[in-house]
């Protein structure tokens, strides 16, 4: 089935050049590697190079852009998740708490 181009993709005002071709692209190809950490090299005009290593903190969660519109900070995310926790049946919550305690004891 051939994909239909949206009006935005067809528009003359689009910044996407015709030579850009993402047909063979794979969504999430570098996701796991990014989560492990990544290095950024900055080449300065004076010839020096600065290397910075970035790694997400333990327990950090990446939000997709459409979700970030609704949750601007961690407080908003935590409040929303706490309200969802009340919808989880009590029996399920007890199982989760037991698994959390086991994980703490393993460390």
Protein backbone atom coordinates (compact mmCIF):
# COMPACT_ATOMS: atom_id res chain seq x y z
CA UNK A 1 0.00 0.00 0.00
CA UNK A 2 1.41 3.37 -1.00
CA UNK A 3 1.50 6.06 1.66
CA UNK A 4 -0.34 9.28 0.93
CA UNK A 5 1.70 12.43 1.53
CA UNK A 6 0.16 14.95 3.85
CA UNK A 7 -0.38 18.55 2.77
CA UNK A 8 2.48 19.59 5.05
CA UNK A 9 4.92 17.29 3.26
CA UNK A 10 3.79 18.52 -0.16
CA UNK A 11 3.97 22.20 0.63
CA UNK A 12 6.52 24.41 -1.09
CA UNK A 13 7.33 25.95 2.30
CA UNK A 14 8.60 22.63 3.67
CA UNK A 15 12.19 22.65 4.94
CA UNK A 16 12.60 18.99 4.00
CA UNK A 17 14.76 18.81 0.90
CA UNK A 18 13.92 16.29 -1.85
CA UNK A 19 17.25 14.48 -1.41
CA UNK A 20 16.38 13.52 2.18
CA UNK A 21 15.17 9.94 2.09
CA UNK A 22 14.10 8.16 5.26
CA UNK A 23 12.44 5.13 3.64
CA UNK A 24 15.02 2.71 5.04
CA UNK A 25 14.99 4.29 8.51
CA UNK A 26 14.33 2.23 11.61
CA UNK A 27 12.47 3.87 14.49
CA UNK A 28 14.25 3.43 17.82
CA UNK A 29 17.40 1.98 16.26
CA UNK A 30 19.72 3.76 18.72
CA UNK A 31 17.35 3.84 21.70
CA UNK A 32 19.13 1.23 23.86
CA UNK A 33 22.58 2.69 23.18
CA UNK A 34 21.32 6.19 24.03
CA UNK A 35 19.89 4.94 27.32
CA UNK A 36 23.28 3.43 28.25
CA UNK A 37 25.01 6.76 27.67
CA UNK A 38 26.59 8.72 24.88
CA UNK A 39 29.61 10.88 24.21
CA UNK A 40 29.52 14.30 22.59
CA UNK A 41 32.69 15.73 21.06
CA UNK A 42 32.80 19.49 20.57
CA UNK A 43 35.48 20.67 18.16
CA UNK A 44 36.32 24.29 18.94
CA UNK A 45 37.65 26.84 16.46
CA UNK A 46 40.99 27.03 18.32
CA UNK A 47 41.66 23.36 17.48
CA UNK A 48 40.83 21.93 20.90
CA UNK A 49 38.23 19.24 21.46
CA UNK A 50 35.96 18.98 24.49
CA UNK A 51 34.52 15.54 25.23
CA UNK A 52 31.40 15.26 27.37
CA UNK A 53 29.73 12.01 28.46
CA UNK A 54 26.01 11.93 29.16
CA UNK A 55 24.07 9.18 30.92
CA UNK A 56 20.53 9.20 32.22
CA UNK A 57 20.30 8.93 35.98
CA UNK A 58 18.97 5.74 37.53
CA UNK A 59 15.20 5.78 37.36
CA UNK A 60 15.07 8.58 34.77
CA UNK A 61 12.32 8.27 32.19
CA UNK A 62 12.28 9.79 28.71
CA UNK A 63 8.96 11.33 27.72
CA UNK A 64 8.00 11.55 24.09
CA UNK A 65 7.37 15.07 22.72
CA UNK A 66 3.58 14.75 22.58
CA UNK A 67 3.51 13.75 26.25
CA UNK A 68 5.85 16.58 27.29
CA UNK A 69 3.26 19.11 26.12
CA UNK A 70 1.00 17.99 28.97
CA UNK A 71 3.66 17.35 31.64
CA UNK A 72 6.17 20.20 31.77
CA UNK A 73 8.03 18.94 34.85
CA UNK A 74 8.51 15.93 37.12
CA UNK A 75 5.96 17.22 39.63
CA UNK A 76 3.21 17.13 36.99
CA UNK A 77 4.20 13.60 35.91
CA UNK A 78 4.30 12.33 39.50
CA UNK A 79 0.89 13.83 40.30
CA UNK A 80 -0.65 12.20 37.23
CA UNK A 81 0.88 8.83 38.01
CA UNK A 82 -0.23 8.98 41.64
CA UNK A 83 -3.80 9.56 40.49
CA UNK A 84 -3.53 6.53 38.19
CA UNK A 85 -2.19 4.34 41.00
CA UNK A 86 -5.51 4.73 42.81
CA UNK A 87 -7.17 3.02 39.81
CA UNK A 88 -5.00 -0.10 40.13
CA UNK A 89 -6.71 -2.88 42.09
CA UNK A 90 -5.43 -3.28 45.65
CA UNK A 91 -4.28 -6.87 45.00
CA UNK A 92 -2.00 -5.72 42.14
CA UNK A 93 -0.52 -2.93 44.29
CA UNK A 94 0.50 -5.45 46.98
CA UNK A 95 2.31 -7.60 44.38
CA UNK A 96 4.22 -4.56 43.11
CA UNK A 97 5.24 -3.57 46.65
CA UNK A 98 6.53 -7.10 47.36
CA UNK A 99 8.62 -7.06 44.15
CA UNK A 100 10.04 -3.64 45.08
CA UNK A 101 11.09 -4.92 48.51
CA UNK A 102 12.81 -7.95 46.90
CA UNK A 103 14.74 -5.67 44.54
CA UNK A 104 15.90 -3.50 47.45
CA UNK A 105 17.10 -6.58 49.37
CA UNK A 106 19.04 -7.86 46.31
CA UNK A 107 21.12 -4.69 46.17
